[in-house]
Amino acid sequence: MQTRNPFIDDLTKVANGAMGALTGMKDEVEARFRDQIAKILDGMDIPRRDEFDAVKAMAAKAREENEELKKQIADLQARLGSPSGPEA
């Protein structure tokens, strides 16, 4: 947008240039910050979300299998007579 005053036009150009430079600096700072955070997190040996979800699913399945095995053992003990009963 041109005005009749060249001084205002020059100030506008300088302000636009400064905003562009500040935006570039902000982007650079954000990129470096992300890199530093990534390095810190890599050093912490934190599992990724997909790894966590896989282990969580395995644990849930193991709990279900454990409960099923407990029921099977209880059924077998009931059929055979529990060796850990009062007569033992």
PDB file of N, CA and C in Angstrom:
ATOM      1  N   MET A   1       0.845  -1.164   0.000  1.00  0.00           N
ATOM      2  CA  MET A   1       0.000   0.000   0.000  1.00  0.00           C
ATOM      3  C   MET A   1       0.894   1.233   0.000  1.00  0.00           C
ATOM      4  N   GLN A   2       0.782   2.008  -1.019  1.00  0.00           N
ATOM      5  CA  GLN A   2       1.571   3.223  -1.157  1.00  0.00           C
ATOM      6  C   GLN A   2       0.790   4.410  -0.608  1.00  0.00           C
ATOM      7  N   THR A   3       1.533   5.272   0.071  1.00  0.00           N
ATOM      8  CA  THR A   3       0.928   6.522   0.549  1.00  0.00           C
ATOM      9  C   THR A   3       1.603   7.673  -0.169  1.00  0.00           C
ATOM     10  N   ARG A   4       1.168   8.829   0.128  1.00  0.00           N
ATOM     11  CA  ARG A   4       1.784  10.007  -0.485  1.00  0.00           C
ATOM     12  C   ARG A   4       3.068  10.383   0.233  1.00  0.00           C
ATOM     13  N   ASN A   5       3.261   9.841   1.399  1.00  0.00           N
ATOM     14  CA  ASN A   5       4.435  10.181   2.193  1.00  0.00           C
ATOM     15  C   ASN A   5       5.475   9.064   2.067  1.00  0.00           C
ATOM     16  N   PRO A   6       6.617   9.332   1.416  1.00  0.00           N
ATOM     17  CA  PRO A   6       7.631   8.290   1.247  1.00  0.00           C
ATOM     18  C   PRO A   6       8.223   7.832   2.579  1.00  0.00           C
ATOM     19  N   PHE A   7       8.230   8.706   3.583  1.00  0.00           N
ATOM     20  CA  PHE A   7       8.756   8.314   4.895  1.00  0.00           C
ATOM     21  C   PHE A   7       7.896   7.198   5.498  1.00  0.00           C
ATOM     22  N   ILE A   8       6.585   7.321   5.408  1.00  0.00           N
ATOM     23  CA  ILE A   8       5.666   6.293   5.911  1.00  0.00           C
ATOM     24  C   ILE A   8       5.863   5.005   5.126  1.00  0.00           C
ATOM     25  N   ASP A   9       6.039   5.125   3.816  1.00  0.00           N
ATOM     26  CA  ASP A   9       6.261   3.944   2.983  1.00  0.00           C
ATOM     27  C   ASP A   9       7.541   3.223   3.410  1.00  0.00           C
ATOM     28  N   ASP A  10       8.599   4.003   3.655  1.00  0.00           N
ATOM     29  CA  ASP A  10       9.866   3.401   4.090  1.00  0.00           C
ATOM     30  C   ASP A  10       9.723   2.738   5.463  1.00  0.00           C
ATOM     31  N   LEU A  11       9.011   3.397   6.360  1.00  0.00           N
ATOM     32  CA  LEU A  11       8.784   2.803   7.691  1.00  0.00           C
ATOM     33  C   LEU A  11       8.006   1.491   7.576  1.00  0.00           C
ATOM     34  N   THR A  12       7.043   1.453   6.689  1.00  0.00           N
ATOM     35  CA  THR A  12       6.257   0.244   6.471  1.00  0.00           C
ATOM     36  C   THR A  12       7.138  -0.881   5.957  1.00  0.00           C
ATOM     37  N   LYS A  13       8.031  -0.563   5.023  1.00  0.00           N
ATOM     38  CA  LYS A  13       8.949  -1.572   4.496  1.00  0.00           C
ATOM     39  C   LYS A  13       9.883  -2.086   5.585  1.00  0.00           C
ATOM     40  N   VAL A  14      10.394  -1.181   6.399  1.00  0.00           N
ATOM     41  CA  VAL A  14      11.292  -1.582   7.495  1.00  0.00           C
ATOM     42  C   VAL A  14      10.535  -2.461   8.496  1.00  0.00           C
ATOM     43  N   ALA A  15       9.323  -2.079   8.820  1.00  0.00           N
ATOM     44  CA  ALA A  15       8.527  -2.864   9.767  1.00  0.00           C
ATOM     45  C   ALA A  15       8.230  -4.247   9.196  1.00  0.00           C
ATOM     46  N   ASN A  16       7.884  -4.322   7.930  1.00  0.00           N
ATOM     47  CA  ASN A  16       7.628  -5.619   7.298  1.00  0.00           C
ATOM     48  C   ASN A  16       8.889  -6.482   7.290  1.00  0.00           C
ATOM     49  N   GLY A  17      10.032  -5.871   7.004  1.00  0.00           N
ATOM     50  CA  GLY A  17      11.302  -6.609   7.022  1.00  0.00           C
ATOM     51  C   GLY A  17      11.631  -7.112   8.417  1.00  0.00           C
ATOM     52  N   ALA A  18      11.385  -6.263   9.419  1.00  0.00           N
ATOM     53  CA  ALA A  18      11.658  -6.662  10.803  1.00  0.00           C
ATOM     54  C   ALA A  18      10.745  -7.808  11.223  1.00  0.00           C
ATOM     55  N   MET A  19       9.493  -7.751  10.830  1.00  0.00           N
ATOM     56  CA  MET A  19       8.557  -8.835  11.167  1.00  0.00           C
ATOM     57  C   MET A  19       8.983 -10.142  10.500  1.00  0.00           C
ATOM     58  N   GLY A  20       9.448 -10.037   9.255  1.00  0.00           N
ATOM     59  CA  GLY A  20       9.929 -11.225   8.565  1.00  0.00           C
ATOM     60  C   GLY A  20      11.138 -11.820   9.262  1.00  0.00           C
ATOM     61  N   ALA A  21      12.055 -10.960   9.694  1.00  0.00           N
ATOM     62  CA  ALA A  21      13.247 -11.432  10.404  1.00  0.00           C
ATOM     63  C   ALA A  21      12.866 -12.061  11.738  1.00  0.00           C
ATOM     64  N   LEU A  22      11.942 -11.438  12.460  1.00  0.00           N
ATOM     65  CA  LEU A  22      11.507 -11.999  13.745  1.00  0.00           C
ATOM     66  C   LEU A  22      10.805 -13.338  13.558  1.00  0.00           C
ATOM     67  N   THR A  23      10.021 -13.462  12.518  1.00  0.00           N
ATOM     68  CA  THR A  23       9.352 -14.733  12.238  1.00  0.00           C
ATOM     69  C   THR A  23      10.380 -15.818  11.935  1.00  0.00           C
ATOM     70  N   GLY A  24      11.405 -15.462  11.153  1.00  0.00           N
ATOM     71  CA  GLY A  24      12.469 -16.417  10.856  1.00  0.00           C
ATOM     72  C   GLY A  24      13.219 -16.829  12.107  1.00  0.00           C
ATOM     73  N   MET A  25      13.508 -15.865  12.981  1.00  0.00           N
ATOM     74  CA  MET A  25      14.198 -16.181  14.238  1.00  0.00           C
ATOM     75  C   MET A  25      13.333 -17.076  15.115  1.00  0.00           C
ATOM     76  N   LYS A  26      12.050 -16.773  15.187  1.00  0.00           N
ATOM     77  CA  LYS A  26      11.130 -17.590  15.990  1.00  0.00           C
ATOM     78  C   LYS A  26      11.116 -19.027  15.483  1.00  0.00           C
ATOM     79  N   ASP A  27      11.051 -19.196  14.166  1.00  0.00           N
ATOM     80  CA  ASP A  27      11.047 -20.541  13.586  1.00  0.00           C
ATOM     81  C   ASP A  27      12.345 -21.279  13.905  1.00  0.00           C
ATOM     82  N   GLU A  28      13.466 -20.570  13.836  1.00  0.00           N
ATOM     83  CA  GLU A  28      14.767 -21.183  14.131  1.00  0.00           C
ATOM     84  C   GLU A  28      14.858 -21.597  15.601  1.00  0.00           C
ATOM     85  N   VAL A  29      14.394 -20.733  16.494  1.00  0.00           N
ATOM     86  CA  VAL A  29      14.412 -21.054  17.928  1.00  0.00           C
ATOM     87  C   VAL A  29      13.524 -22.267  18.197  1.00  0.00           C
ATOM     88  N   GLU A  30      12.349 -22.311  17.598  1.00  0.00           N
ATOM     89  CA  GLU A  30      11.453 -23.458  17.797  1.00  0.00           C
ATOM     90  C   GLU A  30      12.084 -24.753  17.290  1.00  0.00           C
ATOM     91  N   ALA A  31      12.751 -24.701  16.142  1.00  0.00           N
ATOM     92  CA  ALA A  31      13.392 -25.895  15.583  1.00  0.00           C
ATOM     93  C   ALA A  31      14.513 -26.378  16.503  1.00  0.00           C
ATOM     94  N   ARG A  32      15.321 -25.471  16.993  1.00  0.00           N
ATOM     95  CA  ARG A  32      16.403 -25.864  17.907  1.00  0.00           C
ATOM     96  C   ARG A  32      15.844 -26.401  19.224  1.00  0.00           C
ATOM     97  N   PHE A  33      14.791 -25.784  19.704  1.00  0.00           N
ATOM     98  CA  PHE A  33      14.159 -26.253  20.940  1.00  0.00           C
ATOM     99  C   PHE A  33      13.635 -27.677  20.764  1.00  0.00           C
ATOM    100  N   ARG A  34      12.964 -27.932  19.635  1.00  0.00           N
ATOM    101  CA  ARG A  34      12.467 -29.284  19.356  1.00  0.00           C
ATOM    102  C   ARG A  34      13.612 -30.291  19.288  1.00  0.00           C
ATOM    103  N   ASP A  35      14.722 -29.905  18.662  1.00  0.00           N
ATOM    104  CA  ASP A  35      15.880 -30.793  18.576  1.00  0.00           C
ATOM    105  C   ASP A  35      16.436 -31.110  19.962  1.00  0.00           C
ATOM    106  N   GLN A  36      16.536 -30.101  20.804  1.00  0.00           N
ATOM    107  CA  GLN A  36      17.062 -30.318  22.156  1.00  0.00           C
ATOM    108  C   GLN A  36      16.135 -31.215  22.969  1.00  0.00           C
ATOM    109  N   ILE A  37      14.845 -31.002  22.873  1.00  0.00           N
ATOM    110  CA  ILE A  37      13.888 -31.840  23.592  1.00  0.00           C
ATOM    111  C   ILE A  37      13.980 -33.275  23.085  1.00  0.00           C
ATOM    112  N   ALA A  38      14.115 -33.459  21.774  1.00  0.00           N
ATOM    113  CA  ALA A  38      14.235 -34.808  21.218  1.00  0.00           C
ATOM    114  C   ALA A  38      15.483 -35.498  21.747  1.00  0.00           C
ATOM    115  N   LYS A  39      16.602 -34.778  21.838  1.00  0.00           N
ATOM    116  CA  LYS A  39      17.835 -35.358  22.371  1.00  0.00           C
ATOM    117  C   LYS A  39      17.663 -35.751  23.834  1.00  0.00           C
ATOM    118  N   ILE A  40      17.026 -34.904  24.604  1.00  0.00           N
ATOM    119  CA  ILE A  40      16.801 -35.203  26.024  1.00  0.00           C
ATOM    120  C   ILE A  40      15.928 -36.441  26.168  1.00  0.00           C
ATOM    121  N   LEU A  41      14.838 -36.501  25.404  1.00  0.00           N
ATOM    122  CA  LEU A  41      13.932 -37.644  25.495  1.00  0.00           C
ATOM    123  C   LEU A  41      14.596 -38.932  25.020  1.00  0.00           C
ATOM    124  N   ASP A  42      15.441 -38.856  23.988  1.00  0.00           N
ATOM    125  CA  ASP A  42      16.159 -40.039  23.522  1.00  0.00           C
ATOM    126  C   ASP A  42      17.076 -40.581  24.607  1.00  0.00           C
ATOM    127  N   GLY A  43      17.690 -39.696  25.360  1.00  0.00           N
ATOM    128  CA  GLY A  43      18.588 -40.109  26.438  1.00  0.00           C
ATOM    129  C   GLY A  43      17.867 -40.694  27.635  1.00  0.00           C
ATOM    130  N   MET A  44      16.572 -40.457  27.738  1.00  0.00           N
ATOM    131  CA  MET A  44      15.810 -40.937  28.891  1.00  0.00           C
ATOM    132  C   MET A  44      15.311 -42.363  28.711  1.00  0.00           C
ATOM    133  N   ASP A  45      15.461 -42.927  27.534  1.00  0.00           N
ATOM    134  CA  ASP A  45      15.036 -44.293  27.251  1.00  0.00           C
ATOM    135  C   ASP A  45      13.555 -44.494  27.574  1.00  0.00           C
ATOM    136  N   ILE A  46      12.738 -43.552  27.161  1.00  0.00           N
ATOM    137  CA  ILE A  46      11.289 -43.637  27.343  1.00  0.00           C
ATOM    138  C   ILE A  46      10.719 -44.419  26.169  1.00  0.00           C
ATOM    139  N   PRO A  47       9.864 -45.408  26.453  1.00  0.00           N
ATOM    140  CA  PRO A  47       9.306 -46.186  25.335  1.00  0.00           C
ATOM    141  C   PRO A  47       8.385 -45.317  24.474  1.00  0.00           C
ATOM    142  N   ARG A  48       8.362 -45.660  23.190  1.00  0.00           N
ATOM    143  CA  ARG A  48       7.444 -44.972  22.295  1.00  0.00           C
ATOM    144  C   ARG A  48       6.016 -45.423  22.607  1.00  0.00           C
ATOM    145  N   ARG A  49       5.056 -44.660  22.138  1.00  0.00           N
ATOM    146  CA  ARG A  49       3.651 -44.960  22.413  1.00  0.00           C
ATOM    147  C   ARG A  49       3.267 -46.334  21.873  1.00  0.00           C
ATOM    148  N   ASP A  50       3.720 -46.679  20.663  1.00  0.00           N
ATOM    149  CA  ASP A  50       3.364 -47.982  20.097  1.00  0.00           C
ATOM    150  C   ASP A  50       3.986 -49.122  20.907  1.00  0.00           C
ATOM    151  N   GLU A  51       5.195 -48.919  21.426  1.00  0.00           N
ATOM    152  CA  GLU A  51       5.818 -49.935  22.282  1.00  0.00           C
ATOM    153  C   GLU A  51       5.031 -50.095  23.583  1.00  0.00           C
ATOM    154  N   PHE A  52       4.645 -48.974  24.171  1.00  0.00           N
ATOM    155  CA  PHE A  52       3.867 -49.005  25.405  1.00  0.00           C
ATOM    156  C   PHE A  52       2.540 -49.733  25.196  1.00  0.00           C
ATOM    157  N   ASP A  53       1.861 -49.404  24.106  1.00  0.00           N
ATOM    158  CA  ASP A  53       0.571 -50.039  23.816  1.00  0.00           C
ATOM    159  C   ASP A  53       0.729 -51.544  23.602  1.00  0.00           C
ATOM    160  N   ALA A  54       1.822 -51.960  22.944  1.00  0.00           N
ATOM    161  CA  ALA A  54       2.053 -53.385  22.714  1.00  0.00           C
ATOM    162  C   ALA A  54       2.275 -54.119  24.036  1.00  0.00           C
ATOM    163  N   VAL A  55       3.078 -53.553  24.918  1.00  0.00           N
ATOM    164  CA  VAL A  55       3.336 -54.182  26.216  1.00  0.00           C
ATOM    165  C   VAL A  55       2.071 -54.192  27.065  1.00  0.00           C
ATOM    166  N   LYS A  56       1.299 -53.133  26.996  1.00  0.00           N
ATOM    167  CA  LYS A  56       0.044 -53.059  27.744  1.00  0.00           C
ATOM    168  C   LYS A  56      -0.924 -54.151  27.281  1.00  0.00           C
ATOM    169  N   ALA A  57      -1.000 -54.354  25.967  1.00  0.00           N
ATOM    170  CA  ALA A  57      -1.877 -55.405  25.427  1.00  0.00           C
ATOM    171  C   ALA A  57      -1.385 -56.787  25.848  1.00  0.00           C
ATOM    172  N   MET A  58      -0.064 -56.988  25.830  1.00  0.00           N
ATOM    173  CA  MET A  58       0.491 -58.282  26.261  1.00  0.00           C
ATOM    174  C   MET A  58       0.187 -58.538  27.732  1.00  0.00           C
ATOM    175  N   ALA A  59       0.295 -57.510  28.559  1.00  0.00           N
ATOM    176  CA  ALA A  59       0.017 -57.658  29.986  1.00  0.00           C
ATOM    177  C   ALA A  59      -1.458 -57.984  30.219  1.00  0.00           C
ATOM    178  N   ALA A  60      -2.340 -57.333  29.487  1.00  0.00           N
ATOM    179  CA  ALA A  60      -3.773 -57.614  29.637  1.00  0.00           C
ATOM    180  C   ALA A  60      -4.082 -59.051  29.227  1.00  0.00           C
ATOM    181  N   LYS A  61      -3.478 -59.509  28.144  1.00  0.00           N
ATOM    182  CA  LYS A  61      -3.689 -60.884  27.696  1.00  0.00           C
ATOM    183  C   LYS A  61      -3.135 -61.873  28.724  1.00  0.00           C
ATOM    184  N   ALA A  62      -1.967 -61.574  29.282  1.00  0.00           N
ATOM    185  CA  ALA A  62      -1.378 -62.448  30.302  1.00  0.00           C
ATOM    186  C   ALA A  62      -2.275 -62.520  31.533  1.00  0.00           C
ATOM    187  N   ARG A  63      -2.881 -61.388  31.933  1.00  0.00           N
ATOM    188  CA  ARG A  63      -3.801 -61.414  33.077  1.00  0.00           C
ATOM    189  C   ARG A  63      -5.014 -62.292  32.791  1.00  0.00           C
ATOM    190  N   GLU A  64      -5.555 -62.169  31.584  1.00  0.00           N
ATOM    191  CA  GLU A  64      -6.704 -62.997  31.208  1.00  0.00           C
ATOM    192  C   GLU A  64      -6.328 -64.474  31.226  1.00  0.00           C
ATOM    193  N   GLU A  65      -5.161 -64.806  30.659  1.00  0.00           N
ATOM    194  CA  GLU A  65      -4.709 -66.199  30.654  1.00  0.00           C
ATOM    195  C   GLU A  65      -4.463 -66.695  32.067  1.00  0.00           C
ATOM    196  N   ASN A  66      -3.933 -65.855  32.919  1.00  0.00           N
ATOM    197  CA  ASN A  66      -3.672 -66.217  34.308  1.00  0.00           C
ATOM    198  C   ASN A  66      -4.979 -66.543  35.035  1.00  0.00           C
ATOM    199  N   GLU A  67      -5.988 -65.718  34.806  1.00  0.00           N
ATOM    200  CA  GLU A  67      -7.294 -65.975  35.436  1.00  0.00           C
ATOM    201  C   GLU A  67      -7.880 -67.292  34.934  1.00  0.00           C
ATOM    202  N   GLU A  68      -7.755 -67.555  33.652  1.00  0.00           N
ATOM    203  CA  GLU A  68      -8.260 -68.812  33.080  1.00  0.00           C
ATOM    204  C   GLU A  68      -7.513 -70.002  33.679  1.00  0.00           C
ATOM    205  N   LEU A  69      -6.201 -69.877  33.827  1.00  0.00           N
ATOM    206  CA  LEU A  69      -5.416 -70.964  34.418  1.00  0.00           C
ATOM    207  C   LEU A  69      -5.801 -71.189  35.876  1.00  0.00           C
ATOM    208  N   LYS A  70      -6.060 -70.109  36.612  1.00  0.00           N
ATOM    209  CA  LYS A  70      -6.499 -70.253  38.006  1.00  0.00           C
ATOM    210  C   LYS A  70      -7.805 -71.037  38.081  1.00  0.00           C
ATOM    211  N   LYS A  71      -8.730 -70.757  37.159  1.00  0.00           N
ATOM    212  CA  LYS A  71     -10.010 -71.473  37.136  1.00  0.00           C
ATOM    213  C   LYS A  71      -9.783 -72.950  36.811  1.00  0.00           C
ATOM    214  N   GLN A  72      -8.896 -73.212  35.840  1.00  0.00           N
ATOM    215  CA  GLN A  72      -8.622 -74.599  35.478  1.00  0.00           C
ATOM    216  C   GLN A  72      -7.984 -75.359  36.637  1.00  0.00           C
ATOM    217  N   ILE A  73      -7.075 -74.740  37.341  1.00  0.00           N
ATOM    218  CA  ILE A  73      -6.433 -75.373  38.503  1.00  0.00           C
ATOM    219  C   ILE A  73      -7.462 -75.638  39.590  1.00  0.00           C
ATOM    220  N   ALA A  74      -8.328 -74.676  39.838  1.00  0.00           N
ATOM    221  CA  ALA A  74      -9.361 -74.861  40.861  1.00  0.00           C
ATOM    222  C   ALA A  74     -10.287 -76.014  40.481  1.00  0.00           C
ATOM    223  N   ASP A  75     -10.661 -76.106  39.195  1.00  0.00           N
ATOM    224  CA  ASP A  75     -11.513 -77.207  38.742  1.00  0.00           C
ATOM    225  C   ASP A  75     -10.818 -78.547  38.913  1.00  0.00           C
ATOM    226  N   LEU A  76      -9.539 -78.608  38.540  1.00  0.00           N
ATOM    227  CA  LEU A  76      -8.780 -79.866  38.689  1.00  0.00           C
ATOM    228  C   LEU A  76      -8.640 -80.265  40.155  1.00  0.00           C
ATOM    229  N   GLN A  77      -8.367 -79.305  41.004  1.00  0.00           N
ATOM    230  CA  GLN A  77      -8.238 -79.595  42.430  1.00  0.00           C
ATOM    231  C   GLN A  77      -9.569 -80.073  43.006  1.00  0.00           C
ATOM    232  N   ALA A  78     -10.663 -79.492  42.547  1.00  0.00           N
ATOM    233  CA  ALA A  78     -11.973 -79.907  43.034  1.00  0.00           C
ATOM    234  C   ALA A  78     -12.275 -81.337  42.592  1.00  0.00           C
ATOM    235  N   ARG A  79     -11.892 -81.697  41.366  1.00  0.00           N
ATOM    236  CA  ARG A  79     -12.137 -83.053  40.883  1.00  0.00           C
ATOM    237  C   ARG A  79     -11.248 -84.086  41.569  1.00  0.00           C
ATOM    238  N   LEU A  80     -10.011 -83.742  41.841  1.00  0.00           N
ATOM    239  CA  LEU A  80      -9.069 -84.671  42.432  1.00  0.00           C
ATOM    240  C   LEU A  80      -9.088 -84.660  43.954  1.00  0.00           C
ATOM    241  N   GLY A  81      -9.650 -83.694  44.540  1.00  0.00           N
ATOM    242  CA  GLY A  81      -9.598 -83.510  45.983  1.00  0.00           C
ATOM    243  C   GLY A  81      -8.331 -82.713  46.287  1.00  0.00           C
ATOM    244  N   SER A  82      -8.495 -81.613  46.879  1.00  0.00           N
ATOM    245  CA  SER A  82      -7.398 -80.690  47.087  1.00  0.00           C
ATOM    246  C   SER A  82      -6.331 -81.285  48.013  1.00  0.00           C
ATOM    247  N   PRO A  83      -5.063 -81.354  47.546  1.00  0.00           N
ATOM    248  CA  PRO A  83      -4.005 -81.863  48.410  1.00  0.00           C
ATOM    249  C   PRO A  83      -3.655 -80.905  49.534  1.00  0.00           C
ATOM    250  N   SER A  84      -4.057 -79.656  49.408  1.00  0.00           N
ATOM    251  CA  SER A  84      -3.752 -78.691  50.469  1.00  0.00           C
ATOM    252  C   SER A  84      -4.962 -78.494  51.368  1.00  0.00           C
ATOM    253  N   GLY A  85      -5.879 -79.436  51.369  1.00  0.00           N
ATOM    254  CA  GLY A  85      -7.089 -79.340  52.193  1.00  0.00           C
ATOM    255  C   GLY A  85      -6.794 -79.660  53.645  1.00  0.00           C
ATOM    256  N   PRO A  86      -7.841 -79.784  54.475  1.00  0.00           N
ATOM    257  CA  PRO A  86      -7.670 -79.995  55.915  1.00  0.00           C
ATOM    258  C   PRO A  86      -7.044 -81.345  56.239  1.00  0.00           C
ATOM    259  N   GLU A  87      -7.206 -82.374  55.372  1.00  0.00           N
ATOM    260  CA  GLU A  87      -6.634 -83.661  55.701  1.00  0.00           C
ATOM    261  C   GLU A  87      -5.137 -83.729  55.439  1.00  0.00           C
ATOM    262  N   ALA A  88      -4.567 -82.740  54.772  1.00  0.00           N
ATOM    263  CA  ALA A  88      -3.134 -82.775  54.463  1.00  0.00           C
ATOM    264  C   ALA A  88      -2.280 -82.339  55.605  1.00  0.00           C
TER     265      ALA A  88
END
